[in-house]
Amino acid sequence: MKVLTANRLIDGEVVFWQAGQWVERFADADIFDGDAGESAVAVAKSQPTVIVEPYLIDIAEGPAGLAPVSYRERIRALGPTNEPTHGKQAEGGAAIAALQAATGAARSTGRVDLIRRK
């Protein structure tokens, strides 16, 4: 399973792909199986004035729900994480709890592929 993510160009906010639009919450993101996300990546790459560096991240079922397998991506989905009362993590809820309960530090294959292309 994968989710498409990027950073919004105007403010740097981490965003996720949902039905052809960018949303700020990981919990709202579309989930792709297999190669289904590649068409969304192609559409996302055609929006260079909206977002930067779109890529697919690996997600898995964690102890409390779906979460990115990469620690880096969990931080991005919760951030900013400089203070627990700031950012998306301050909103709470089941999706945030799932992100906070997830473990593991595997690298997302999408991010690794992005680095290899540079």
PDB file of N, CA and C in Angstrom:
ATOM      1  N   MET A   1       0.835  -1.175   0.000  1.00  0.00           N
ATOM      2  CA  MET A   1       0.000   0.000   0.000  1.00  0.00           C
ATOM      3  C   MET A   1       0.878   1.236   0.000  1.00  0.00           C
ATOM      4  N   LYS A   2       0.419   2.254  -0.717  1.00  0.00           N
ATOM      5  CA  LYS A   2       1.181   3.502  -0.828  1.00  0.00           C
ATOM      6  C   LYS A   2       0.251   4.707  -0.762  1.00  0.00           C
ATOM      7  N   VAL A   3       0.849   5.839  -0.411  1.00  0.00           N
ATOM      8  CA  VAL A   3       0.165   7.129  -0.384  1.00  0.00           C
ATOM      9  C   VAL A   3       1.074   8.112  -1.106  1.00  0.00           C
ATOM     10  N   LEU A   4       0.471   9.018  -1.882  1.00  0.00           N
ATOM     11  CA  LEU A   4       1.241  10.032  -2.607  1.00  0.00           C
ATOM     12  C   LEU A   4       1.371  11.276  -1.732  1.00  0.00           C
ATOM     13  N   THR A   5       2.587  11.763  -1.594  1.00  0.00           N
ATOM     14  CA  THR A   5       2.841  12.950  -0.772  1.00  0.00           C
ATOM     15  C   THR A   5       3.738  13.919  -1.521  1.00  0.00           C
ATOM     16  N   ALA A   6       3.761  15.155  -1.043  1.00  0.00           N
ATOM     17  CA  ALA A   6       4.606  16.208  -1.598  1.00  0.00           C
ATOM     18  C   ALA A   6       4.624  17.349  -0.590  1.00  0.00           C
ATOM     19  N   ASN A   7       5.290  18.429  -0.956  1.00  0.00           N
ATOM     20  CA  ASN A   7       5.229  19.649  -0.151  1.00  0.00           C
ATOM     21  C   ASN A   7       4.583  20.735  -1.003  1.00  0.00           C
ATOM     22  N   ARG A   8       3.640  21.452  -0.390  1.00  0.00           N
ATOM     23  CA  ARG A   8       2.974  22.540  -1.098  1.00  0.00           C
ATOM     24  C   ARG A   8       3.970  23.665  -1.301  1.00  0.00           C
ATOM     25  N   LEU A   9       4.034  24.163  -2.507  1.00  0.00           N
ATOM     26  CA  LEU A   9       5.046  25.155  -2.877  1.00  0.00           C
ATOM     27  C   LEU A   9       4.877  26.474  -2.127  1.00  0.00           C
ATOM     28  N   ILE A  10       3.665  26.921  -1.923  1.00  0.00           N
ATOM     29  CA  ILE A  10       3.447  28.250  -1.351  1.00  0.00           C
ATOM     30  C   ILE A  10       3.857  28.368   0.112  1.00  0.00           C
ATOM     31  N   ASP A  11       3.745  27.283   0.889  1.00  0.00           N
ATOM     32  CA  ASP A  11       4.076  27.387   2.307  1.00  0.00           C
ATOM     33  C   ASP A  11       4.894  26.211   2.857  1.00  0.00           C
ATOM     34  N   GLY A  12       5.204  25.232   2.024  1.00  0.00           N
ATOM     35  CA  GLY A  12       6.011  24.100   2.458  1.00  0.00           C
ATOM     36  C   GLY A  12       5.254  23.033   3.218  1.00  0.00           C
ATOM     37  N   GLU A  13       3.963  23.191   3.376  1.00  0.00           N
ATOM     38  CA  GLU A  13       3.158  22.225   4.124  1.00  0.00           C
ATOM     39  C   GLU A  13       3.214  20.850   3.460  1.00  0.00           C
ATOM     40  N   VAL A  14       3.298  19.822   4.278  1.00  0.00           N
ATOM     41  CA  VAL A  14       3.230  18.448   3.779  1.00  0.00           C
ATOM     42  C   VAL A  14       1.793  18.179   3.356  1.00  0.00           C
ATOM     43  N   VAL A  15       1.630  17.686   2.144  1.00  0.00           N
ATOM     44  CA  VAL A  15       0.295  17.419   1.620  1.00  0.00           C
ATOM     45  C   VAL A  15       0.227  16.004   1.060  1.00  0.00           C
ATOM     46  N   PHE A  16      -1.009  15.519   0.959  1.00  0.00           N
ATOM     47  CA  PHE A  16      -1.264  14.162   0.488  1.00  0.00           C
ATOM     48  C   PHE A  16      -2.335  14.211  -0.594  1.00  0.00           C
ATOM     49  N   TRP A  17      -2.269  13.260  -1.513  1.00  0.00           N
ATOM     50  CA  TRP A  17      -3.155  13.214  -2.668  1.00  0.00           C
ATOM     51  C   TRP A  17      -4.486  12.565  -2.297  1.00  0.00           C
ATOM     52  N   GLN A  18      -5.576  13.250  -2.644  1.00  0.00           N
ATOM     53  CA  GLN A  18      -6.899  12.681  -2.437  1.00  0.00           C
ATOM     54  C   GLN A  18      -7.791  13.074  -3.602  1.00  0.00           C
ATOM     55  N   ALA A  19      -8.164  12.100  -4.400  1.00  0.00           N
ATOM     56  CA  ALA A  19      -9.119  12.295  -5.490  1.00  0.00           C
ATOM     57  C   ALA A  19      -8.777  13.506  -6.363  1.00  0.00           C
ATOM     58  N   GLY A  20      -7.523  13.631  -6.747  1.00  0.00           N
ATOM     59  CA  GLY A  20      -7.118  14.696  -7.653  1.00  0.00           C
ATOM     60  C   GLY A  20      -6.812  16.024  -6.994  1.00  0.00           C
ATOM     61  N   GLN A  21      -6.827  16.058  -5.674  1.00  0.00           N
ATOM     62  CA  GLN A  21      -6.526  17.299  -4.968  1.00  0.00           C
ATOM     63  C   GLN A  21      -5.515  17.017  -3.860  1.00  0.00           C
ATOM     64  N   TRP A  22      -4.894  18.066  -3.368  1.00  0.00           N
ATOM     65  CA  TRP A  22      -3.941  17.936  -2.269  1.00  0.00           C
ATOM     66  C   TRP A  22      -4.628  18.302  -0.963  1.00  0.00           C
ATOM     67  N   VAL A  23      -4.484  17.430   0.045  1.00  0.00           N
ATOM     68  CA  VAL A  23      -5.064  17.663   1.362  1.00  0.00           C
ATOM     69  C   VAL A  23      -3.944  17.606   2.396  1.00  0.00           C
ATOM     70  N   GLU A  24      -4.163  18.196   3.546  1.00  0.00           N
ATOM     71  CA  GLU A  24      -3.114  18.296   4.560  1.00  0.00           C
ATOM     72  C   GLU A  24      -3.058  17.109   5.511  1.00  0.00           C
ATOM     73  N   ARG A  25      -4.096  16.303   5.570  1.00  0.00           N
ATOM     74  CA  ARG A  25      -4.153  15.225   6.554  1.00  0.00           C
ATOM     75  C   ARG A  25      -3.830  13.872   5.937  1.00  0.00           C
ATOM     76  N   PHE A  26      -2.911  13.155   6.562  1.00  0.00           N
ATOM     77  CA  PHE A  26      -2.556  11.804   6.109  1.00  0.00           C
ATOM     78  C   PHE A  26      -3.790  10.913   6.081  1.00  0.00           C
ATOM     79  N   ALA A  27      -4.650  11.052   7.069  1.00  0.00           N
ATOM     80  CA  ALA A  27      -5.840  10.202   7.175  1.00  0.00           C
ATOM     81  C   ALA A  27      -6.792  10.367   5.998  1.00  0.00           C
ATOM     82  N   ASP A  28      -6.719  11.504   5.300  1.00  0.00           N
ATOM     83  CA  ASP A  28      -7.609  11.763   4.168  1.00  0.00           C
ATOM     84  C   ASP A  28      -7.030  11.289   2.838  1.00  0.00           C
ATOM     85  N   ALA A  29      -5.805  10.828   2.838  1.00  0.00           N
ATOM     86  CA  ALA A  29      -5.123  10.482   1.587  1.00  0.00           C
ATOM     87  C   ALA A  29      -5.695   9.226   0.941  1.00  0.00           C
ATOM     88  N   ASP A  30      -5.629   9.207  -0.396  1.00  0.00           N
ATOM     89  CA  ASP A  30      -5.976   8.002  -1.145  1.00  0.00           C
ATOM     90  C   ASP A  30      -4.898   6.948  -0.922  1.00  0.00           C
ATOM     91  N   ILE A  31      -5.318   5.702  -0.842  1.00  0.00           N
ATOM     92  CA  ILE A  31      -4.383   4.580  -0.669  1.00  0.00           C
ATOM     93  C   ILE A  31      -4.335   3.810  -1.988  1.00  0.00           C
ATOM     94  N   PHE A  32      -3.118   3.591  -2.485  1.00  0.00           N
ATOM     95  CA  PHE A  32      -2.918   2.903  -3.758  1.00  0.00           C
ATOM     96  C   PHE A  32      -2.300   1.528  -3.504  1.00  0.00           C
ATOM     97  N   ASP A  33      -2.784   0.554  -4.252  1.00  0.00           N
ATOM     98  CA  ASP A  33      -2.201  -0.785  -4.220  1.00  0.00           C
ATOM     99  C   ASP A  33      -1.462  -1.029  -5.527  1.00  0.00           C
ATOM    100  N   GLY A  34      -0.349  -1.728  -5.453  1.00  0.00           N
ATOM    101  CA  GLY A  34       0.416  -2.052  -6.651  1.00  0.00           C
ATOM    102  C   GLY A  34       0.924  -0.803  -7.344  1.00  0.00           C
ATOM    103  N   ASP A  35       0.751  -0.776  -8.668  1.00  0.00           N
ATOM    104  CA  ASP A  35       1.225   0.350  -9.471  1.00  0.00           C
ATOM    105  C   ASP A  35       0.155   1.412  -9.693  1.00  0.00           C
ATOM    106  N   ALA A  36      -0.957   1.319  -8.992  1.00  0.00           N
ATOM    107  CA  ALA A  36      -2.075   2.243  -9.206  1.00  0.00           C
ATOM    108  C   ALA A  36      -1.709   3.696  -8.913  1.00  0.00           C
ATOM    109  N   GLY A  37      -0.745   3.939  -8.077  1.00  0.00           N
ATOM    110  CA  GLY A  37      -0.380   5.297  -7.729  1.00  0.00           C
ATOM    111  C   GLY A  37       0.457   6.014  -8.772  1.00  0.00           C
ATOM    112  N   GLU A  38       1.015   5.269  -9.712  1.00  0.00           N
ATOM    113  CA  GLU A  38       1.898   5.890 -10.704  1.00  0.00           C
ATOM    114  C   GLU A  38       1.173   6.920 -11.563  1.00  0.00           C
ATOM    115  N   SER A  39      -0.098   6.694 -11.882  1.00  0.00           N
ATOM    116  CA  SER A  39      -0.841   7.679 -12.670  1.00  0.00           C
ATOM    117  C   SER A  39      -1.066   8.953 -11.855  1.00  0.00           C
ATOM    118  N   ALA A  40      -1.283   8.805 -10.559  1.00  0.00           N
ATOM    119  CA  ALA A  40      -1.435   9.984  -9.698  1.00  0.00           C
ATOM    120  C   ALA A  40      -0.117  10.751  -9.617  1.00  0.00           C
ATOM    121  N   VAL A  41       1.005  10.021  -9.576  1.00  0.00           N
ATOM    122  CA  VAL A  41       2.322  10.679  -9.564  1.00  0.00           C
ATOM    123  C   VAL A  41       2.511  11.480 -10.850  1.00  0.00           C
ATOM    124  N   ALA A  42       2.104  10.905 -11.976  1.00  0.00           N
ATOM    125  CA  ALA A  42       2.240  11.606 -13.259  1.00  0.00           C
ATOM    126  C   ALA A  42       1.423  12.894 -13.267  1.00  0.00           C
ATOM    127  N   VAL A  43       0.206  12.835 -12.748  1.00  0.00           N
ATOM    128  CA  VAL A  43      -0.622  14.049 -12.675  1.00  0.00           C
ATOM    129  C   VAL A  43       0.016  15.056 -11.723  1.00  0.00           C
ATOM    130  N   ALA A  44       0.513  14.576 -10.587  1.00  0.00           N
ATOM    131  CA  ALA A  44       1.128  15.464  -9.601  1.00  0.00           C
ATOM    132  C   ALA A  44       2.356  16.170 -10.173  1.00  0.00           C
ATOM    133  N   LYS A  45       3.129  15.446 -10.960  1.00  0.00           N
ATOM    134  CA  LYS A  45       4.333  16.053 -11.546  1.00  0.00           C
ATOM    135  C   LYS A  45       3.998  17.131 -12.564  1.00  0.00           C
ATOM    136  N   SER A  46       2.752  17.161 -13.015  1.00  0.00           N
ATOM    137  CA  SER A  46       2.340  18.207 -13.962  1.00  0.00           C
ATOM    138  C   SER A  46       1.876  19.462 -13.224  1.00  0.00           C
ATOM    139  N   GLN A  47       2.076  19.511 -11.901  1.00  0.00           N
ATOM    140  CA  GLN A  47       1.651  20.665 -11.098  1.00  0.00           C
ATOM    141  C   GLN A  47       2.850  21.346 -10.426  1.00  0.00           C
ATOM    142  N   PRO A  48       3.876  21.737 -11.195  1.00  0.00           N
ATOM    143  CA  PRO A  48       5.081  22.294 -10.563  1.00  0.00           C
ATOM    144  C   PRO A  48       4.877  23.646  -9.901  1.00  0.00           C
ATOM    145  N   THR A  49       3.740  24.303 -10.146  1.00  0.00           N
ATOM    146  CA  THR A  49       3.485  25.581  -9.476  1.00  0.00           C
ATOM    147  C   THR A  49       2.651  25.403  -8.208  1.00  0.00           C
ATOM    148  N   VAL A  50       2.274  24.152  -7.918  1.00  0.00           N
ATOM    149  CA  VAL A  50       1.448  23.873  -6.738  1.00  0.00           C
ATOM    150  C   VAL A  50       2.245  23.126  -5.670  1.00  0.00           C
ATOM    151  N   ILE A  51       2.974  22.095  -6.080  1.00  0.00           N
ATOM    152  CA  ILE A  51       3.709  21.241  -5.135  1.00  0.00           C
ATOM    153  C   ILE A  51       5.115  20.989  -5.665  1.00  0.00           C
ATOM    154  N   VAL A  52       5.976  20.466  -4.774  1.00  0.00           N
ATOM    155  CA  VAL A  52       7.322  20.059  -5.182  1.00  0.00           C
ATOM    156  C   VAL A  52       7.553  18.612  -4.772  1.00  0.00           C
ATOM    157  N   GLU A  53       8.302  17.916  -5.599  1.00  0.00           N
ATOM    158  CA  GLU A  53       8.789  16.560  -5.340  1.00  0.00           C
ATOM    159  C   GLU A  53       7.718  15.563  -4.878  1.00  0.00           C
ATOM    160  N   PRO A  54       6.722  15.303  -5.692  1.00  0.00           N
ATOM    161  CA  PRO A  54       5.740  14.280  -5.310  1.00  0.00           C
ATOM    162  C   PRO A  54       6.364  12.890  -5.377  1.00  0.00           C
ATOM    163  N   TYR A  55       6.032  12.042  -4.418  1.00  0.00           N
ATOM    164  CA  TYR A  55       6.512  10.663  -4.426  1.00  0.00           C
ATOM    165  C   TYR A  55       5.587   9.804  -3.586  1.00  0.00           C
ATOM    166  N   LEU A  56       5.599   8.526  -3.887  1.00  0.00           N
ATOM    167  CA  LEU A  56       4.779   7.563  -3.169  1.00  0.00           C
ATOM    168  C   LEU A  56       5.533   7.089  -1.933  1.00  0.00           C
ATOM    169  N   ILE A  57       4.809   6.977  -0.817  1.00  0.00           N
ATOM    170  CA  ILE A  57       5.407   6.435   0.403  1.00  0.00           C
ATOM    171  C   ILE A  57       4.722   5.119   0.742  1.00  0.00           C
ATOM    172  N   ASP A  58       5.486   4.230   1.344  1.00  0.00           N
ATOM    173  CA  ASP A  58       4.952   2.939   1.765  1.00  0.00           C
ATOM    174  C   ASP A  58       4.204   3.118   3.082  1.00  0.00           C
ATOM    175  N   ILE A  59       3.057   2.477   3.184  1.00  0.00           N
ATOM    176  CA  ILE A  59       2.306   2.496   4.438  1.00  0.00           C
ATOM    177  C   ILE A  59       1.967   1.063   4.820  1.00  0.00           C
ATOM    178  N   ALA A  60       1.685   0.864   6.091  1.00  0.00           N
ATOM    179  CA  ALA A  60       1.332  -0.467   6.587  1.00  0.00           C
ATOM    180  C   ALA A  60       0.398  -0.322   7.777  1.00  0.00           C
ATOM    181  N   GLU A  61      -0.284  -1.403   8.059  1.00  0.00           N
ATOM    182  CA  GLU A  61      -1.155  -1.424   9.228  1.00  0.00           C
ATOM    183  C   GLU A  61      -0.291  -1.509  10.475  1.00  0.00           C
ATOM    184  N   GLY A  62      -0.406  -0.529  11.344  1.00  0.00           N
ATOM    185  CA  GLY A  62       0.332  -0.530  12.594  1.00  0.00           C
ATOM    186  C   GLY A  62      -0.552  -0.990  13.735  1.00  0.00           C
ATOM    187  N   PRO A  63      -0.077  -0.863  14.952  1.00  0.00           N
ATOM    188  CA  PRO A  63      -0.863  -1.314  16.095  1.00  0.00           C
ATOM    189  C   PRO A  63      -2.164  -0.536  16.291  1.00  0.00           C
ATOM    190  N   ALA A  64      -2.238   0.693  15.775  1.00  0.00           N
ATOM    191  CA  ALA A  64      -3.444   1.505  15.968  1.00  0.00           C
ATOM    192  C   ALA A  64      -4.100   1.934  14.659  1.00  0.00           C
ATOM    193  N   GLY A  65      -3.564   1.459  13.521  1.00  0.00           N
ATOM    194  CA  GLY A  65      -4.136   1.836  12.223  1.00  0.00           C
ATOM    195  C   GLY A  65      -3.055   2.034  11.191  1.00  0.00           C
ATOM    196  N   LEU A  66      -3.435   2.532  10.035  1.00  0.00           N
ATOM    197  CA  LEU A  66      -2.488   2.740   8.945  1.00  0.00           C
ATOM    198  C   LEU A  66      -1.517   3.872   9.267  1.00  0.00           C
ATOM    199  N   ALA A  67      -0.253   3.642   8.897  1.00  0.00           N
ATOM    200  CA  ALA A  67       0.777   4.654   9.118  1.00  0.00           C
ATOM    201  C   ALA A  67       1.921   4.403   8.147  1.00  0.00           C
ATOM    202  N   PRO A  68       2.686   5.437   7.812  1.00  0.00           N
ATOM    203  CA  PRO A  68       3.865   5.230   6.974  1.00  0.00           C
ATOM    204  C   PRO A  68       4.858   4.297   7.659  1.00  0.00           C
ATOM    205  N   VAL A  69       5.553   3.475   6.875  1.00  0.00           N
ATOM    206  CA  VAL A  69       6.562   2.581   7.456  1.00  0.00           C
ATOM    207  C   VAL A  69       7.826   3.349   7.822  1.00  0.00           C
ATOM    208  N   SER A  70       8.040   4.484   7.184  1.00  0.00           N
ATOM    209  CA  SER A  70       9.230   5.292   7.424  1.00  0.00           C
ATOM    210  C   SER A  70       8.990   6.252   8.583  1.00  0.00           C
ATOM    211  N   TYR A  71       9.950   6.293   9.481  1.00  0.00           N
ATOM    212  CA  TYR A  71       9.891   7.233  10.607  1.00  0.00           C
ATOM    213  C   TYR A  71       9.833   8.664  10.091  1.00  0.00           C
ATOM    214  N   ARG A  72      10.624   8.942   9.072  1.00  0.00           N
ATOM    215  CA  ARG A  72      10.649  10.277   8.474  1.00  0.00           C
ATOM    216  C   ARG A  72       9.266  10.687   7.996  1.00  0.00           C
ATOM    217  N   GLU A  73       8.575   9.777   7.345  1.00  0.00           N
ATOM    218  CA  GLU A  73       7.250  10.102   6.808  1.00  0.00           C
ATOM    219  C   GLU A  73       6.214  10.259   7.918  1.00  0.00           C
ATOM    220  N   ARG A  74       6.377   9.520   9.001  1.00  0.00           N
ATOM    221  CA  ARG A  74       5.459   9.705  10.134  1.00  0.00           C
ATOM    222  C   ARG A  74       5.665  11.095  10.745  1.00  0.00           C
ATOM    223  N   ILE A  75       6.905  11.524  10.846  1.00  0.00           N
ATOM    224  CA  ILE A  75       7.179  12.875  11.357  1.00  0.00           C
ATOM    225  C   ILE A  75       6.574  13.915  10.430  1.00  0.00           C
ATOM    226  N   ARG A  76       6.730  13.720   9.121  1.00  0.00           N
ATOM    227  CA  ARG A  76       6.150  14.672   8.159  1.00  0.00           C
ATOM    228  C   ARG A  76       4.632  14.744   8.316  1.00  0.00           C
ATOM    229  N   ALA A  77       3.984  13.579   8.527  1.00  0.00           N
ATOM    230  CA  ALA A  77       2.525  13.537   8.646  1.00  0.00           C
ATOM    231  C   ALA A  77       2.039  14.164   9.948  1.00  0.00           C
ATOM    232  N   LEU A  78       2.861  14.154  10.976  1.00  0.00           N
ATOM    233  CA  LEU A  78       2.484  14.711  12.277  1.00  0.00           C
ATOM    234  C   LEU A  78       2.884  16.172  12.438  1.00  0.00           C
ATOM    235  N   GLY A  79       3.793  16.642  11.677  1.00  0.00           N
ATOM    236  CA  GLY A  79       4.489  17.883  11.923  1.00  0.00           C
ATOM    237  C   GLY A  79       3.697  19.170  11.840  1.00  0.00           C
ATOM    238  N   PRO A  80       4.381  20.217  12.262  1.00  0.00           N
ATOM    239  CA  PRO A  80       5.717  20.192  12.842  1.00  0.00           C
ATOM    240  C   PRO A  80       5.712  19.546  14.222  1.00  0.00           C
ATOM    241  N   THR A  81       6.822  18.922  14.568  1.00  0.00           N
ATOM    242  CA  THR A  81       6.886  18.134  15.795  1.00  0.00           C
ATOM    243  C   THR A  81       7.775  18.766  16.855  1.00  0.00           C
ATOM    244  N   ASN A  82       8.039  20.053  16.737  1.00  0.00           N
ATOM    245  CA  ASN A  82       8.901  20.717  17.721  1.00  0.00           C
ATOM    246  C   ASN A  82       8.230  20.848  19.086  1.00  0.00           C
ATOM    247  N   GLU A  83       6.902  20.771  19.126  1.00  0.00           N
ATOM    248  CA  GLU A  83       6.152  20.934  20.370  1.00  0.00           C
ATOM    249  C   GLU A  83       4.844  20.152  20.210  1.00  0.00           C
ATOM    250  N   PRO A  84       4.497  19.295  21.188  1.00  0.00           N
ATOM    251  CA  PRO A  84       3.287  18.470  21.039  1.00  0.00           C
ATOM    252  C   PRO A  84       1.994  19.253  20.851  1.00  0.00           C
ATOM    253  N   THR A  85       1.975  20.528  21.237  1.00  0.00           N
ATOM    254  CA  THR A  85       0.752  21.310  21.070  1.00  0.00           C
ATOM    255  C   THR A  85       0.712  22.055  19.740  1.00  0.00           C
ATOM    256  N   HIS A  86       1.692  21.823  18.874  1.00  0.00           N
ATOM    257  CA  HIS A  86       1.735  22.472  17.568  1.00  0.00           C
ATOM    258  C   HIS A  86       1.437  21.475  16.461  1.00  0.00           C
ATOM    259  N   GLY A  87       1.015  21.974  15.350  1.00  0.00           N
ATOM    260  CA  GLY A  87       0.889  21.171  14.143  1.00  0.00           C
ATOM    261  C   GLY A  87      -0.266  20.198  14.150  1.00  0.00           C
ATOM    262  N   LYS A  88      -0.176  19.279  13.224  1.00  0.00           N
ATOM    263  CA  LYS A  88      -1.246  18.310  13.029  1.00  0.00           C
ATOM    264  C   LYS A  88      -1.406  17.395  14.230  1.00  0.00           C
ATOM    265  N   GLN A  89      -0.309  17.100  14.933  1.00  0.00           N
ATOM    266  CA  GLN A  89      -0.382  16.203  16.080  1.00  0.00           C
ATOM    267  C   GLN A  89      -1.233  16.782  17.210  1.00  0.00           C
ATOM    268  N   ALA A  90      -1.364  18.090  17.279  1.00  0.00           N
ATOM    269  CA  ALA A  90      -2.149  18.729  18.332  1.00  0.00           C
ATOM    270  C   ALA A  90      -3.642  18.473  18.155  1.00  0.00           C
ATOM    271  N   GLU A  91      -4.059  18.111  16.952  1.00  0.00           N
ATOM    272  CA  GLU A  91      -5.481  17.876  16.683  1.00  0.00           C
ATOM    273  C   GLU A  91      -5.982  16.586  17.331  1.00  0.00           C
ATOM    274  N   GLY A  92      -5.082  15.634  17.534  1.00  0.00           N
ATOM    275  CA  GLY A  92      -5.479  14.366  18.147  1.00  0.00           C
ATOM    276  C   GLY A  92      -6.362  13.538  17.236  1.00  0.00           C
ATOM    277  N   GLY A  93      -7.003  12.534  17.805  1.00  0.00           N
ATOM    278  CA  GLY A  93      -7.881  11.669  17.030  1.00  0.00           C
ATOM    279  C   GLY A  93      -7.225  10.339  16.718  1.00  0.00           C
ATOM    280  N   ALA A  94      -8.009   9.450  16.132  1.00  0.00           N
ATOM    281  CA  ALA A  94      -7.548   8.092  15.859  1.00  0.00           C
ATOM    282  C   ALA A  94      -6.403   8.056  14.851  1.00  0.00           C
ATOM    283  N   ALA A  95      -6.480   8.880  13.815  1.00  0.00           N
ATOM    284  CA  ALA A  95      -5.431   8.872  12.792  1.00  0.00           C
ATOM    285  C   ALA A  95      -4.097   9.350  13.364  1.00  0.00           C
ATOM    286  N   ILE A  96      -4.143  10.372  14.197  1.00  0.00           N
ATOM    287  CA  ILE A  96      -2.915  10.871  14.830  1.00  0.00           C
ATOM    288  C   ILE A  96      -2.376   9.821  15.805  1.00  0.00           C
ATOM    289  N   ALA A  97      -3.251   9.182  16.537  1.00  0.00           N
ATOM    290  CA  ALA A  97      -2.824   8.129  17.467  1.00  0.00           C
ATOM    291  C   ALA A  97      -2.160   6.981  16.716  1.00  0.00           C
ATOM    292  N   ALA A  98      -2.683   6.643  15.538  1.00  0.00           N
ATOM    293  CA  ALA A  98      -2.076   5.583  14.728  1.00  0.00           C
ATOM    294  C   ALA A  98      -0.675   5.972  14.282  1.00  0.00           C
ATOM    295  N   LEU A  99      -0.497   7.232  13.902  1.00  0.00           N
ATOM    296  CA  LEU A  99       0.836   7.703  13.489  1.00  0.00           C
ATOM    297  C   LEU A  99       1.803   7.671  14.665  1.00  0.00           C
ATOM    298  N   GLN A 100       1.329   8.064  15.831  1.00  0.00           N
ATOM    299  CA  GLN A 100       2.201   8.106  17.005  1.00  0.00           C
ATOM    300  C   GLN A 100       2.529   6.717  17.539  1.00  0.00           C
ATOM    301  N   ALA A 101       1.639   5.749  17.317  1.00  0.00           N
ATOM    302  CA  ALA A 101       1.854   4.393  17.832  1.00  0.00           C
ATOM    303  C   ALA A 101       2.689   3.526  16.890  1.00  0.00           C
ATOM    304  N   ALA A 102       2.826   3.956  15.641  1.00  0.00           N
ATOM    305  CA  ALA A 102       3.566   3.153  14.662  1.00  0.00           C
ATOM    306  C   ALA A 102       5.029   3.058  15.064  1.00  0.00           C
ATOM    307  N   THR A 103       5.644   1.946  14.711  1.00  0.00           N
ATOM    308  CA  THR A 103       7.053   1.729  15.026  1.00  0.00           C
ATOM    309  C   THR A 103       7.800   1.362  13.751  1.00  0.00           C
ATOM    310  N   GLY A 104       9.107   1.291  13.878  1.00  0.00           N
ATOM    311  CA  GLY A 104       9.930   0.915  12.739  1.00  0.00           C
ATOM    312  C   GLY A 104      10.548   2.136  12.097  1.00  0.00           C
ATOM    313  N   ALA A 105      11.637   1.914  11.400  1.00  0.00           N
ATOM    314  CA  ALA A 105      12.355   3.019  10.784  1.00  0.00           C
ATOM    315  C   ALA A 105      12.792   2.693   9.365  1.00  0.00           C
ATOM    316  N   ALA A 106      12.014   1.863   8.686  1.00  0.00           N
ATOM    317  CA  ALA A 106      12.358   1.517   7.310  1.00  0.00           C
ATOM    318  C   ALA A 106      12.279   2.754   6.433  1.00  0.00           C
ATOM    319  N   ARG A 107      13.063   2.780   5.397  1.00  0.00           N
ATOM    320  CA  ARG A 107      12.999   3.881   4.445  1.00  0.00           C
ATOM    321  C   ARG A 107      11.868   3.635   3.474  1.00  0.00           C
ATOM    322  N   SER A 108      11.212   4.690   3.104  1.00  0.00           N
ATOM    323  CA  SER A 108      10.172   4.592   2.100  1.00  0.00           C
ATOM    324  C   SER A 108      10.818   4.399   0.740  1.00  0.00           C
ATOM    325  N   THR A 109      10.376   3.415  -0.006  1.00  0.00           N
ATOM    326  CA  THR A 109      10.979   3.161  -1.310  1.00  0.00           C
ATOM    327  C   THR A 109      10.786   4.343  -2.247  1.00  0.00           C
ATOM    328  N   GLY A 110       9.690   5.051  -2.120  1.00  0.00           N
ATOM    329  CA  GLY A 110       9.440   6.210  -2.978  1.00  0.00           C
ATOM    330  C   GLY A 110      10.460   7.300  -2.761  1.00  0.00           C
ATOM    331  N   ARG A 111      10.817   7.569  -1.510  1.00  0.00           N
ATOM    332  CA  ARG A 111      11.808   8.593  -1.193  1.00  0.00           C
ATOM    333  C   ARG A 111      13.188   8.154  -1.671  1.00  0.00           C
ATOM    334  N   VAL A 112      13.512   6.882  -1.503  1.00  0.00           N
ATOM    335  CA  VAL A 112      14.803   6.369  -1.959  1.00  0.00           C
ATOM    336  C   VAL A 112      14.896   6.514  -3.478  1.00  0.00           C
ATOM    337  N   ASP A 113      13.818   6.196  -4.181  1.00  0.00           N
ATOM    338  CA  ASP A 113      13.816   6.356  -5.639  1.00  0.00           C
ATOM    339  C   ASP A 113      14.002   7.813  -6.025  1.00  0.00           C
ATOM    340  N   LEU A 114      13.374   8.709  -5.284  1.00  0.00           N
ATOM    341  CA  LEU A 114      13.507  10.139  -5.556  1.00  0.00           C
ATOM    342  C   LEU A 114      14.953  10.577  -5.388  1.00  0.00           C
ATOM    343  N   ILE A 115      15.622  10.104  -4.351  1.00  0.00           N
ATOM    344  CA  ILE A 115      17.023  10.460  -4.108  1.00  0.00           C
ATOM    345  C   ILE A 115      17.917   9.897  -5.216  1.00  0.00           C
ATOM    346  N   ARG A 116      17.648   8.691  -5.669  1.00  0.00           N
ATOM    347  CA  ARG A 116      18.464   8.071  -6.719  1.00  0.00           C
ATOM    348  C   ARG A 116      18.369   8.837  -8.034  1.00  0.00           C
ATOM    349  N   ARG A 117      17.229   9.460  -8.311  1.00  0.00           N
ATOM    350  CA  ARG A 117      17.060  10.188  -9.565  1.00  0.00           C
ATOM    351  C   ARG A 117      17.853  11.472  -9.593  1.00  0.00           C
ATOM    352  N   LYS A 118      18.233  12.001  -8.431  1.00  0.00           N
ATOM    353  CA  LYS A 118      18.941  13.284  -8.394  1.00  0.00           C
ATOM    354  C   LYS A 118      20.398  13.099  -8.635  1.00  0.00           C
TER     355      LYS A 118
END
